Amino acid sequence: MILLFLFGVAVLGLLIWAAVEANKNEKKEKEARKQEERRYAFEQKWKTKLETYKSAKAQTLAELEAKYGKCTKEISVSYSSEFSLQHDIYAFEESEIIILDGNILGFKDIIGFNLLNKSNDVFSAHTTGPSRKNPRSAIVRGAAGKLIAEDDFDYETGYDIDAGSEYKVYVNVNSISSPTIVLDFGSSQEDAYQTANLLNVLINRNNHQ
């Protein structure tokens, strides 16, 4: 009789354990389904935003190319889920137009720039008015003469690496009311250097004209 009682207790305990485990598994499955639903909803939301972004950008670029010809250079300045001309740089060589921070400028309007990292000047170029036709009139300092520590150099990209970078390009333009345009690249080093190189080319061309 005692054995039968103990057997019954054991069976009951096993059934209770099985029920508890089944309940735990059910809760885990429910939570997993909820997480999957949230992940899917998040992906769909960003997919919609990305499609809207690409559509707006394509439409704007098409309108710009209709006015200024093919876009020959495009550089990202900052990233956002909503498209704005302020987030990218566009250069149109055919019409000699460049768009900086949403400002539509002629190539000749670029008269100087400074590329800074944490307020340290790492690349700059400026024109001097009286001698613009003289190639030596451009004051250029930058990547070619910069001493870069070997441990901080990426030989694949050609750029130095700094995890705490804060890159900004200050562009001097031919405008009395707004003579300086500030482009904030954050830690995006490659985009900042590409912009500096592009502006340097424009200034060099201006000095040869």
N, C-alpha and C. Protein backbone atom coordinates (compact mmCIF):
# COMPACT_ATOMS: atom_id res chain seq x y z
N MET A 1 0.82 -1.21 0.00
CA MET A 1 0.00 0.00 0.00
C MET A 1 0.86 1.27 0.00
N ILE A 2 1.90 1.21 0.83
CA ILE A 2 2.82 2.35 0.91
C ILE A 2 3.53 2.56 -0.42
N LEU A 3 3.94 1.44 -1.02
CA LEU A 3 4.61 1.54 -2.33
C LEU A 3 3.70 2.14 -3.37
N LEU A 4 2.43 1.71 -3.32
CA LEU A 4 1.46 2.25 -4.27
C LEU A 4 1.27 3.75 -4.06
N PHE A 5 1.25 4.16 -2.79
CA PHE A 5 1.11 5.57 -2.47
C PHE A 5 2.32 6.37 -2.97
N LEU A 6 3.51 5.83 -2.71
CA LEU A 6 4.73 6.51 -3.17
C LEU A 6 4.79 6.60 -4.69
N PHE A 7 4.33 5.51 -5.32
CA PHE A 7 4.30 5.51 -6.79
C PHE A 7 3.36 6.60 -7.29
N GLY A 8 2.21 6.71 -6.61
CA GLY A 8 1.23 7.73 -7.01
C GLY A 8 1.79 9.13 -6.84
N VAL A 9 2.50 9.34 -5.71
CA VAL A 9 3.12 10.65 -5.46
C VAL A 9 4.15 10.97 -6.54
N ALA A 10 4.94 9.95 -6.89
CA ALA A 10 5.97 10.15 -7.92
C ALA A 10 5.35 10.51 -9.26
N VAL A 11 4.28 9.78 -9.61
CA VAL A 11 3.59 10.05 -10.88
C VAL A 11 3.01 11.46 -10.87
N LEU A 12 2.39 11.84 -9.73
CA LEU A 12 1.80 13.16 -9.61
C LEU A 12 2.87 14.25 -9.73
N GLY A 13 4.01 14.00 -9.07
CA GLY A 13 5.11 14.96 -9.15
C GLY A 13 5.62 15.11 -10.57
N LEU A 14 5.70 13.97 -11.27
CA LEU A 14 6.15 14.00 -12.66
C LEU A 14 5.18 14.77 -13.54
N LEU A 15 3.89 14.55 -13.29
CA LEU A 15 2.88 15.26 -14.08
C LEU A 15 2.95 16.77 -13.82
N ILE A 16 3.14 17.14 -12.53
CA ILE A 16 3.24 18.58 -12.20
C ILE A 16 4.47 19.18 -12.85
N TRP A 17 5.61 18.46 -12.79
CA TRP A 17 6.83 18.96 -13.43
C TRP A 17 6.65 19.15 -14.93
N ALA A 18 5.99 18.14 -15.55
CA ALA A 18 5.76 18.21 -16.99
C ALA A 18 4.87 19.41 -17.34
N ALA A 19 3.85 19.66 -16.49
CA ALA A 19 2.95 20.79 -16.73
C ALA A 19 3.69 22.11 -16.61
N VAL A 20 4.55 22.21 -15.57
CA VAL A 20 5.32 23.44 -15.37
C VAL A 20 6.25 23.70 -16.54
N GLU A 21 6.95 22.64 -16.99
CA GLU A 21 7.87 22.77 -18.12
C GLU A 21 7.14 23.15 -19.40
N ALA A 22 5.96 22.52 -19.58
CA ALA A 22 5.16 22.85 -20.77
C ALA A 22 4.74 24.31 -20.74
N ASN A 23 4.39 24.81 -19.56
CA ASN A 23 3.98 26.20 -19.41
C ASN A 23 5.16 27.14 -19.71
N LYS A 24 6.35 26.75 -19.22
CA LYS A 24 7.56 27.54 -19.48
C LYS A 24 7.85 27.60 -20.99
N ASN A 25 7.77 26.44 -21.63
CA ASN A 25 8.03 26.38 -23.06
C ASN A 25 7.02 27.20 -23.85
N GLU A 26 5.76 27.15 -23.39
CA GLU A 26 4.72 27.93 -24.07
C GLU A 26 5.00 29.43 -23.96
N LYS A 27 5.44 29.84 -22.75
CA LYS A 27 5.76 31.26 -22.55
C LYS A 27 6.96 31.67 -23.41
N LYS A 28 7.97 30.78 -23.49
CA LYS A 28 9.14 31.07 -24.32
C LYS A 28 8.75 31.19 -25.78
N GLU A 29 7.88 30.29 -26.23
CA GLU A 29 7.44 30.33 -27.62
C GLU A 29 6.65 31.60 -27.91
N LYS A 30 5.80 32.01 -26.96
CA LYS A 30 5.03 33.24 -27.13
C LYS A 30 5.95 34.45 -27.21
N GLU A 31 6.95 34.49 -26.33
CA GLU A 31 7.90 35.61 -26.32
C GLU A 31 8.72 35.63 -27.60
N ALA A 32 9.10 34.43 -28.07
CA ALA A 32 9.86 34.34 -29.32
C ALA A 32 9.03 34.85 -30.49
N ARG A 33 7.73 34.49 -30.50
CA ARG A 33 6.84 34.95 -31.58
C ARG A 33 6.68 36.46 -31.53
N LYS A 34 6.56 37.02 -30.30
CA LYS A 34 6.42 38.46 -30.16
C LYS A 34 7.68 39.18 -30.65
N GLN A 35 8.85 38.64 -30.29
CA GLN A 35 10.10 39.24 -30.74
C GLN A 35 10.22 39.19 -32.25
N GLU A 36 9.81 38.07 -32.83
CA GLU A 36 9.85 37.93 -34.29
C GLU A 36 8.91 38.91 -34.95
N GLU A 37 7.72 39.09 -34.36
CA GLU A 37 6.75 40.05 -34.90
C GLU A 37 7.28 41.48 -34.80
N ARG A 38 7.92 41.80 -33.66
CA ARG A 38 8.50 43.14 -33.50
C ARG A 38 9.64 43.36 -34.49
N ARG A 39 10.49 42.33 -34.66
CA ARG A 39 11.60 42.45 -35.62
C ARG A 39 11.09 42.65 -37.04
N TYR A 40 10.05 41.89 -37.39
CA TYR A 40 9.48 42.00 -38.74
C TYR A 40 8.87 43.39 -38.94
N ALA A 41 8.14 43.87 -37.92
CA ALA A 41 7.51 45.19 -38.01
C ALA A 41 8.58 46.27 -38.15
N PHE A 42 9.69 46.13 -37.39
CA PHE A 42 10.79 47.08 -37.46
C PHE A 42 11.43 47.07 -38.85
N GLU A 43 11.67 45.87 -39.38
CA GLU A 43 12.27 45.76 -40.71
C GLU A 43 11.37 46.36 -41.79
N GLN A 44 10.06 46.10 -41.68
CA GLN A 44 9.13 46.65 -42.65
C GLN A 44 9.07 48.17 -42.58
N LYS A 45 9.14 48.70 -41.35
CA LYS A 45 9.12 50.15 -41.16
C LYS A 45 10.33 50.79 -41.85
N TRP A 46 11.52 50.21 -41.60
CA TRP A 46 12.72 50.77 -42.19
C TRP A 46 12.81 50.51 -43.68
N LYS A 47 12.25 49.41 -44.12
CA LYS A 47 12.21 49.13 -45.55
C LYS A 47 11.37 50.18 -46.26
N THR A 48 10.23 50.53 -45.66
CA THR A 48 9.37 51.58 -46.23
C THR A 48 10.09 52.92 -46.24
N LYS A 49 10.77 53.24 -45.12
CA LYS A 49 11.50 54.49 -45.04
C LYS A 49 12.61 54.55 -46.07
N LEU A 50 13.32 53.42 -46.24
CA LEU A 50 14.42 53.36 -47.20
C LEU A 50 13.91 53.55 -48.62
N GLU A 51 12.80 52.92 -48.93
CA GLU A 51 12.21 53.08 -50.27
C GLU A 51 11.78 54.52 -50.51
N THR A 52 11.19 55.14 -49.47
CA THR A 52 10.78 56.54 -49.57
C THR A 52 12.00 57.43 -49.76
N TYR A 53 13.07 57.13 -49.00
CA TYR A 53 14.32 57.90 -49.09
C TYR A 53 14.91 57.80 -50.51
N LYS A 54 15.02 56.57 -51.00
CA LYS A 54 15.61 56.36 -52.33
C LYS A 54 14.78 57.03 -53.41
N SER A 55 13.46 56.96 -53.28
CA SER A 55 12.57 57.57 -54.26
C SER A 55 12.73 59.09 -54.28
N ALA A 56 12.76 59.70 -53.08
CA ALA A 56 12.90 61.15 -52.98
C ALA A 56 14.26 61.60 -53.52
N LYS A 57 15.30 60.83 -53.20
CA LYS A 57 16.64 61.17 -53.67
C LYS A 57 16.74 61.05 -55.19
N ALA A 58 16.20 59.97 -55.73
CA ALA A 58 16.24 59.75 -57.18
C ALA A 58 15.49 60.85 -57.92
N GLN A 59 14.34 61.24 -57.39
CA GLN A 59 13.54 62.29 -58.02
C GLN A 59 14.28 63.63 -57.99
N THR A 60 14.85 63.95 -56.82
CA THR A 60 15.58 65.21 -56.69
C THR A 60 16.80 65.24 -57.60
N LEU A 61 17.53 64.13 -57.63
CA LEU A 61 18.73 64.07 -58.47
C LEU A 61 18.36 64.18 -59.95
N ALA A 62 17.25 63.57 -60.34
CA ALA A 62 16.80 63.67 -61.74
C ALA A 62 16.48 65.12 -62.09
N GLU A 63 15.85 65.83 -61.17
CA GLU A 63 15.52 67.24 -61.41
C GLU A 63 16.79 68.09 -61.52
N LEU A 64 17.76 67.79 -60.66
CA LEU A 64 19.03 68.52 -60.70
C LEU A 64 19.79 68.25 -61.99
N GLU A 65 19.82 66.98 -62.41
CA GLU A 65 20.54 66.63 -63.64
C GLU A 65 19.86 67.22 -64.87
N ALA A 66 18.55 67.42 -64.79
CA ALA A 66 17.84 68.06 -65.90
C ALA A 66 18.30 69.52 -66.05
N LYS A 67 18.69 70.13 -64.93
CA LYS A 67 19.14 71.53 -64.96
C LYS A 67 20.63 71.66 -65.21
N TYR A 68 21.43 70.79 -64.56
CA TYR A 68 22.88 71.00 -64.55
C TYR A 68 23.69 69.92 -65.25
N GLY A 69 23.03 68.92 -65.84
CA GLY A 69 23.75 67.84 -66.49
C GLY A 69 24.05 66.71 -65.52
N LYS A 70 24.76 65.71 -65.99
CA LYS A 70 25.01 64.52 -65.19
C LYS A 70 25.81 64.84 -63.93
N CYS A 71 25.39 64.24 -62.81
CA CYS A 71 26.12 64.41 -61.55
C CYS A 71 27.40 63.58 -61.63
N THR A 72 28.56 64.25 -61.57
CA THR A 72 29.83 63.56 -61.74
C THR A 72 30.48 63.15 -60.42
N LYS A 73 29.99 63.71 -59.30
CA LYS A 73 30.55 63.35 -58.00
C LYS A 73 29.49 63.52 -56.93
N GLU A 74 29.35 62.49 -56.10
CA GLU A 74 28.39 62.53 -54.99
C GLU A 74 29.09 62.00 -53.74
N ILE A 75 29.00 62.77 -52.66
CA ILE A 75 29.65 62.39 -51.41
C ILE A 75 28.65 62.56 -50.27
N SER A 76 28.59 61.58 -49.39
CA SER A 76 27.69 61.67 -48.24
C SER A 76 28.33 62.50 -47.13
N VAL A 77 27.53 63.38 -46.54
CA VAL A 77 27.99 64.19 -45.42
C VAL A 77 27.46 63.62 -44.11
N SER A 78 26.16 63.37 -44.07
CA SER A 78 25.54 62.80 -42.88
C SER A 78 24.44 61.84 -43.31
N TYR A 79 23.96 61.05 -42.37
CA TYR A 79 22.97 60.03 -42.68
C TYR A 79 21.69 60.27 -41.89
N SER A 80 20.57 60.08 -42.56
CA SER A 80 19.26 60.28 -41.93
C SER A 80 18.25 59.40 -42.64
N SER A 81 17.15 59.11 -41.95
CA SER A 81 16.10 58.29 -42.56
C SER A 81 15.25 59.10 -43.53
N GLU A 82 15.41 60.43 -43.51
CA GLU A 82 14.67 61.30 -44.42
C GLU A 82 15.65 62.02 -45.34
N PHE A 83 15.33 62.05 -46.63
CA PHE A 83 16.24 62.64 -47.60
C PHE A 83 16.24 64.17 -47.52
N SER A 84 17.43 64.74 -47.65
CA SER A 84 17.59 66.19 -47.72
C SER A 84 18.84 66.50 -48.51
N LEU A 85 18.82 67.57 -49.29
CA LEU A 85 20.01 67.97 -50.04
C LEU A 85 21.18 68.29 -49.11
N GLN A 86 20.88 68.62 -47.87
CA GLN A 86 21.92 68.97 -46.92
C GLN A 86 22.76 67.76 -46.50
N HIS A 87 22.28 66.56 -46.78
CA HIS A 87 22.98 65.35 -46.33
C HIS A 87 24.05 64.87 -47.32
N ASP A 88 24.09 65.47 -48.52
CA ASP A 88 25.03 65.01 -49.54
C ASP A 88 25.66 66.19 -50.27
N ILE A 89 26.77 65.90 -50.93
CA ILE A 89 27.43 66.87 -51.81
C ILE A 89 27.26 66.37 -53.24
N TYR A 90 26.89 67.27 -54.14
CA TYR A 90 26.72 66.91 -55.55
C TYR A 90 27.54 67.87 -56.41
N ALA A 91 28.33 67.32 -57.32
CA ALA A 91 29.11 68.15 -58.24
C ALA A 91 28.70 67.83 -59.68
N PHE A 92 28.45 68.88 -60.46
CA PHE A 92 28.04 68.74 -61.86
C PHE A 92 29.11 69.42 -62.71
N GLU A 93 30.00 68.62 -63.28
CA GLU A 93 31.15 69.18 -63.99
C GLU A 93 30.74 69.92 -65.26
N GLU A 94 29.72 69.43 -65.94
CA GLU A 94 29.30 70.05 -67.19
C GLU A 94 28.90 71.51 -67.01
N SER A 95 28.16 71.80 -65.96
CA SER A 95 27.70 73.17 -65.72
C SER A 95 28.52 73.88 -64.65
N GLU A 96 29.54 73.19 -64.10
CA GLU A 96 30.40 73.74 -63.06
C GLU A 96 29.59 74.21 -61.86
N ILE A 97 28.72 73.32 -61.39
CA ILE A 97 27.86 73.59 -60.23
C ILE A 97 28.16 72.57 -59.14
N ILE A 98 28.21 73.05 -57.89
CA ILE A 98 28.37 72.17 -56.75
C ILE A 98 27.33 72.54 -55.70
N ILE A 99 26.76 71.52 -55.06
CA ILE A 99 25.77 71.74 -54.01
C ILE A 99 26.37 71.33 -52.68
N LEU A 100 26.48 72.29 -51.77
CA LEU A 100 27.04 72.07 -50.44
C LEU A 100 26.02 72.49 -49.38
N ASP A 101 25.64 71.58 -48.52
CA ASP A 101 24.70 71.86 -47.45
C ASP A 101 23.41 72.49 -48.01
N GLY A 102 23.00 72.04 -49.19
CA GLY A 102 21.78 72.55 -49.81
C GLY A 102 21.98 73.83 -50.60
N ASN A 103 23.20 74.39 -50.57
CA ASN A 103 23.50 75.63 -51.29
C ASN A 103 24.01 75.32 -52.69
N ILE A 104 23.41 75.94 -53.69
CA ILE A 104 23.82 75.73 -55.08
C ILE A 104 24.84 76.80 -55.44
N LEU A 105 26.08 76.35 -55.74
CA LEU A 105 27.19 77.27 -55.98
C LEU A 105 27.89 76.94 -57.28
N GLY A 106 28.55 77.93 -57.84
CA GLY A 106 29.42 77.69 -58.99
C GLY A 106 30.77 77.23 -58.50
N PHE A 107 31.49 76.48 -59.33
CA PHE A 107 32.83 76.04 -58.94
C PHE A 107 33.70 77.23 -58.53
N LYS A 108 33.55 78.35 -59.25
CA LYS A 108 34.37 79.53 -59.00
C LYS A 108 34.05 80.20 -57.66
N ASP A 109 32.90 79.83 -57.08
CA ASP A 109 32.53 80.41 -55.78
C ASP A 109 33.31 79.81 -54.62
N ILE A 110 34.01 78.69 -54.87
CA ILE A 110 34.80 78.05 -53.82
C ILE A 110 36.16 78.73 -53.76
N ILE A 111 36.43 79.43 -52.67
CA ILE A 111 37.69 80.18 -52.58
C ILE A 111 38.64 79.64 -51.49
N GLY A 112 38.18 78.65 -50.76
CA GLY A 112 39.07 78.07 -49.76
C GLY A 112 38.34 77.05 -48.89
N PHE A 113 39.12 76.26 -48.15
CA PHE A 113 38.50 75.31 -47.21
C PHE A 113 39.53 74.87 -46.17
N ASN A 114 39.03 74.37 -45.07
CA ASN A 114 39.86 73.76 -44.04
C ASN A 114 39.19 72.47 -43.60
N LEU A 115 39.94 71.39 -43.60
CA LEU A 115 39.46 70.12 -43.05
C LEU A 115 40.05 69.99 -41.65
N LEU A 116 39.17 69.91 -40.66
CA LEU A 116 39.62 69.81 -39.27
C LEU A 116 39.16 68.51 -38.64
N ASN A 117 39.99 68.00 -37.75
CA ASN A 117 39.64 66.86 -36.92
C ASN A 117 39.85 67.27 -35.48
N LYS A 118 38.75 67.38 -34.73
CA LYS A 118 38.83 67.85 -33.34
C LYS A 118 39.55 69.19 -33.25
N SER A 119 39.20 70.08 -34.15
CA SER A 119 39.73 71.46 -34.21
C SER A 119 41.17 71.53 -34.70
N ASN A 120 41.78 70.40 -35.08
CA ASN A 120 43.13 70.41 -35.63
C ASN A 120 43.08 70.42 -37.15
N ASP A 121 43.75 71.38 -37.76
CA ASP A 121 43.73 71.51 -39.21
C ASP A 121 44.58 70.39 -39.83
N VAL A 122 43.96 69.54 -40.66
CA VAL A 122 44.71 68.44 -41.28
C VAL A 122 44.81 68.58 -42.79
N PHE A 123 44.03 69.48 -43.39
CA PHE A 123 44.07 69.64 -44.84
C PHE A 123 43.40 70.95 -45.17
N SER A 124 44.06 71.84 -45.93
CA SER A 124 43.44 73.11 -46.28
C SER A 124 43.99 73.62 -47.60
N ALA A 125 43.22 74.48 -48.24
CA ALA A 125 43.65 75.13 -49.47
C ALA A 125 42.90 76.43 -49.63
N HIS A 126 43.59 77.47 -50.10
CA HIS A 126 42.97 78.78 -50.28
C HIS A 126 43.55 79.46 -51.50
N THR A 127 42.78 80.31 -52.11
CA THR A 127 43.26 81.08 -53.25
C THR A 127 43.65 82.47 -52.79
N THR A 128 44.57 83.10 -53.54
CA THR A 128 44.94 84.49 -53.27
C THR A 128 44.56 85.29 -54.50
N GLY A 129 43.65 86.21 -54.32
CA GLY A 129 43.04 86.95 -55.43
C GLY A 129 43.95 87.55 -56.46
N PRO A 130 44.94 88.35 -56.09
CA PRO A 130 45.75 89.05 -57.10
C PRO A 130 46.51 88.13 -58.04
N SER A 131 46.78 86.90 -57.62
CA SER A 131 47.61 86.01 -58.45
C SER A 131 46.88 84.74 -58.84
N ARG A 132 45.58 84.83 -59.07
CA ARG A 132 44.79 83.62 -59.28
C ARG A 132 45.25 82.81 -60.49
N LYS A 133 45.85 83.48 -61.51
CA LYS A 133 46.29 82.75 -62.69
C LYS A 133 47.62 82.05 -62.47
N ASN A 134 48.25 82.33 -61.36
CA ASN A 134 49.52 81.70 -61.05
C ASN A 134 49.27 80.43 -60.24
N PRO A 135 49.66 79.25 -60.77
CA PRO A 135 49.41 78.00 -60.04
C PRO A 135 49.98 78.01 -58.63
N ARG A 136 51.01 78.81 -58.38
CA ARG A 136 51.62 78.82 -57.06
C ARG A 136 50.85 79.69 -56.07
N SER A 137 49.79 80.33 -56.54
CA SER A 137 49.03 81.21 -55.65
C SER A 137 48.17 80.44 -54.67
N ALA A 138 47.96 79.15 -54.90
CA ALA A 138 47.16 78.35 -53.97
C ALA A 138 48.02 77.94 -52.78
N ILE A 139 47.50 78.18 -51.60
CA ILE A 139 48.18 77.74 -50.38
C ILE A 139 47.60 76.39 -50.00
N VAL A 140 48.36 75.35 -50.12
CA VAL A 140 47.84 74.01 -49.88
C VAL A 140 48.64 73.31 -48.80
N ARG A 141 47.96 72.80 -47.80
CA ARG A 141 48.57 71.97 -46.78
C ARG A 141 47.69 70.76 -46.59
N GLY A 142 48.29 69.61 -46.34
CA GLY A 142 47.38 68.50 -46.10
C GLY A 142 47.98 67.13 -46.11
N ALA A 143 47.24 66.20 -46.70
CA ALA A 143 47.52 64.78 -46.56
C ALA A 143 48.94 64.41 -46.97
N ALA A 144 49.46 65.04 -48.04
CA ALA A 144 50.76 64.64 -48.56
C ALA A 144 51.87 64.90 -47.55
N GLY A 145 51.74 65.97 -46.77
CA GLY A 145 52.80 66.31 -45.84
C GLY A 145 52.48 65.94 -44.41
N LYS A 146 51.42 65.20 -44.20
CA LYS A 146 51.00 64.88 -42.84
C LYS A 146 51.71 63.62 -42.35
N LEU A 147 52.28 63.71 -41.17
CA LEU A 147 52.93 62.56 -40.57
C LEU A 147 51.89 61.69 -39.88
N ILE A 148 51.77 60.44 -40.32
CA ILE A 148 50.76 59.53 -39.78
C ILE A 148 51.46 58.36 -39.09
N ALA A 149 51.06 58.11 -37.86
CA ALA A 149 51.63 56.97 -37.14
C ALA A 149 51.29 55.68 -37.84
N GLU A 150 52.27 54.77 -37.92
CA GLU A 150 52.06 53.53 -38.68
C GLU A 150 50.91 52.71 -38.12
N ASP A 151 50.73 52.72 -36.82
CA ASP A 151 49.67 51.92 -36.20
C ASP A 151 48.29 52.47 -36.52
N ASP A 152 48.21 53.73 -36.93
CA ASP A 152 46.92 54.38 -37.18
C ASP A 152 46.64 54.54 -38.67
N PHE A 153 47.36 53.78 -39.50
CA PHE A 153 47.20 53.95 -40.94
C PHE A 153 46.58 52.71 -41.56
N ASP A 154 45.58 52.93 -42.40
CA ASP A 154 44.92 51.83 -43.10
C ASP A 154 45.49 51.78 -44.51
N TYR A 155 46.33 50.78 -44.79
CA TYR A 155 47.00 50.71 -46.10
C TYR A 155 46.04 50.37 -47.23
N GLU A 156 44.89 49.82 -46.91
CA GLU A 156 43.92 49.47 -47.94
C GLU A 156 43.19 50.70 -48.45
N THR A 157 42.79 51.59 -47.53
CA THR A 157 42.04 52.78 -47.94
C THR A 157 42.92 54.00 -48.13
N GLY A 158 44.09 54.00 -47.47
CA GLY A 158 44.95 55.16 -47.58
C GLY A 158 44.62 56.26 -46.61
N TYR A 159 43.77 55.99 -45.63
CA TYR A 159 43.37 57.00 -44.66
C TYR A 159 43.83 56.60 -43.27
N ASP A 160 44.15 57.64 -42.46
CA ASP A 160 44.51 57.34 -41.08
C ASP A 160 43.24 57.07 -40.28
N ILE A 161 43.37 56.29 -39.22
CA ILE A 161 42.22 55.81 -38.46
C ILE A 161 42.23 56.43 -37.06
N ASP A 162 41.10 56.95 -36.66
CA ASP A 162 40.96 57.52 -35.32
C ASP A 162 39.52 57.30 -34.89
N ALA A 163 39.32 56.39 -33.94
CA ALA A 163 37.96 56.05 -33.51
C ALA A 163 37.23 57.24 -32.93
N GLY A 164 37.97 58.23 -32.38
CA GLY A 164 37.32 59.39 -31.77
C GLY A 164 37.30 60.59 -32.69
N SER A 165 37.30 60.37 -33.98
CA SER A 165 37.38 61.46 -34.94
C SER A 165 36.13 62.32 -34.94
N GLU A 166 36.33 63.61 -35.20
CA GLU A 166 35.24 64.56 -35.38
C GLU A 166 35.61 65.46 -36.56
N TYR A 167 35.31 64.98 -37.75
CA TYR A 167 35.74 65.69 -38.95
C TYR A 167 34.73 66.74 -39.38
N LYS A 168 35.25 67.94 -39.65
CA LYS A 168 34.43 69.02 -40.19
C LYS A 168 35.20 69.72 -41.30
N VAL A 169 34.48 70.13 -42.33
CA VAL A 169 35.08 70.90 -43.41
C VAL A 169 34.45 72.28 -43.42
N TYR A 170 35.28 73.29 -43.26
CA TYR A 170 34.81 74.68 -43.33
C TYR A 170 35.13 75.20 -44.73
N VAL A 171 34.10 75.51 -45.50
CA VAL A 171 34.27 75.94 -46.88
C VAL A 171 34.06 77.44 -46.99
N ASN A 172 35.06 78.14 -47.51
CA ASN A 172 34.94 79.58 -47.74
C ASN A 172 34.36 79.79 -49.14
N VAL A 173 33.25 80.51 -49.21
CA VAL A 173 32.59 80.74 -50.50
C VAL A 173 32.47 82.23 -50.77
N ASN A 174 32.27 82.56 -52.03
CA ASN A 174 32.19 83.95 -52.47
C ASN A 174 30.80 84.51 -52.16
N SER A 175 30.58 84.80 -50.89
CA SER A 175 29.29 85.33 -50.43
C SER A 175 29.52 86.28 -49.26
N ILE A 176 28.92 87.45 -49.32
CA ILE A 176 29.06 88.41 -48.23
C ILE A 176 28.20 87.99 -47.03
N SER A 177 26.98 87.56 -47.31
CA SER A 177 26.05 87.23 -46.22
C SER A 177 26.40 85.91 -45.54
N SER A 178 26.84 84.92 -46.31
CA SER A 178 27.17 83.60 -45.74
C SER A 178 28.50 83.10 -46.33
N PRO A 179 29.61 83.64 -45.85
CA PRO A 179 30.90 83.30 -46.46
C PRO A 179 31.47 81.93 -46.07
N THR A 180 30.85 81.27 -45.09
CA THR A 180 31.37 79.98 -44.63
C THR A 180 30.26 78.93 -44.56
N ILE A 181 30.53 77.78 -45.13
CA ILE A 181 29.62 76.63 -45.04
C ILE A 181 30.34 75.55 -44.24
N VAL A 182 29.67 75.04 -43.21
CA VAL A 182 30.28 74.02 -42.36
C VAL A 182 29.66 72.66 -42.66
N LEU A 183 30.49 71.71 -43.02
CA LEU A 183 30.06 70.34 -43.31
C LEU A 183 30.55 69.43 -42.19
N ASP A 184 29.63 68.85 -41.45
CA ASP A 184 29.98 68.02 -40.30
C ASP A 184 29.90 66.53 -40.68
N PHE A 185 31.06 65.88 -40.77
CA PHE A 185 31.14 64.48 -41.18
C PHE A 185 31.20 63.52 -39.98
N GLY A 186 31.29 64.06 -38.78
CA GLY A 186 31.41 63.18 -37.62
C GLY A 186 32.67 62.33 -37.73
N SER A 187 32.54 61.02 -37.62
CA SER A 187 33.68 60.11 -37.71
C SER A 187 33.90 59.56 -39.11
N SER A 188 33.13 60.06 -40.09
CA SER A 188 33.24 59.55 -41.47
C SER A 188 34.45 60.16 -42.15
N GLN A 189 35.60 59.56 -41.90
CA GLN A 189 36.87 60.09 -42.37
C GLN A 189 37.00 60.09 -43.90
N GLU A 190 36.64 58.98 -44.51
CA GLU A 190 36.81 58.86 -45.96
C GLU A 190 36.00 59.91 -46.70
N ASP A 191 34.74 60.12 -46.28
CA ASP A 191 33.90 61.13 -46.94
C ASP A 191 34.49 62.53 -46.74
N ALA A 192 35.03 62.80 -45.56
CA ALA A 192 35.63 64.10 -45.28
C ALA A 192 36.84 64.33 -46.18
N TYR A 193 37.69 63.30 -46.34
CA TYR A 193 38.88 63.44 -47.19
C TYR A 193 38.49 63.55 -48.67
N GLN A 194 37.49 62.81 -49.08
CA GLN A 194 37.03 62.93 -50.47
C GLN A 194 36.55 64.34 -50.76
N THR A 195 35.84 64.92 -49.80
CA THR A 195 35.35 66.29 -49.97
C THR A 195 36.50 67.27 -50.06
N ALA A 196 37.49 67.10 -49.17
CA ALA A 196 38.66 67.97 -49.19
C ALA A 196 39.40 67.86 -50.53
N ASN A 197 39.55 66.65 -51.03
CA ASN A 197 40.22 66.45 -52.31
C ASN A 197 39.44 67.08 -53.46
N LEU A 198 38.11 66.95 -53.43
CA LEU A 198 37.28 67.56 -54.46
C LEU A 198 37.42 69.08 -54.44
N LEU A 199 37.32 69.66 -53.26
CA LEU A 199 37.44 71.12 -53.14
C LEU A 199 38.82 71.60 -53.56
N ASN A 200 39.82 70.81 -53.27
CA ASN A 200 41.19 71.16 -53.67
C ASN A 200 41.33 71.19 -55.18
N VAL A 201 40.68 70.25 -55.86
CA VAL A 201 40.69 70.23 -57.33
C VAL A 201 40.03 71.50 -57.88
N LEU A 202 38.88 71.88 -57.29
CA LEU A 202 38.18 73.07 -57.78
C LEU A 202 39.01 74.32 -57.58
N ILE A 203 39.66 74.43 -56.43
CA ILE A 203 40.50 75.61 -56.16
C ILE A 203 41.69 75.64 -57.12
N ASN A 204 42.27 74.47 -57.37
CA ASN A 204 43.38 74.38 -58.31
C ASN A 204 42.96 74.82 -59.72
N ARG A 205 41.76 74.40 -60.12
CA ARG A 205 41.25 74.83 -61.43
C ARG A 205 41.03 76.33 -61.46
N ASN A 206 40.46 76.85 -60.39
CA ASN A 206 40.21 78.29 -60.33
C ASN A 206 41.50 79.08 -60.44
N ASN A 207 42.60 78.55 -59.88
CA ASN A 207 43.88 79.24 -59.94
C ASN A 207 44.51 79.18 -61.32
N HIS A 208 44.07 78.27 -62.16
CA HIS A 208 44.62 78.16 -63.51
C HIS A 208 43.81 78.96 -64.52
N GLN A 209 42.70 79.52 -64.11
CA GLN A 209 41.85 80.27 -65.03
C GLN A 209 42.20 81.75 -65.01
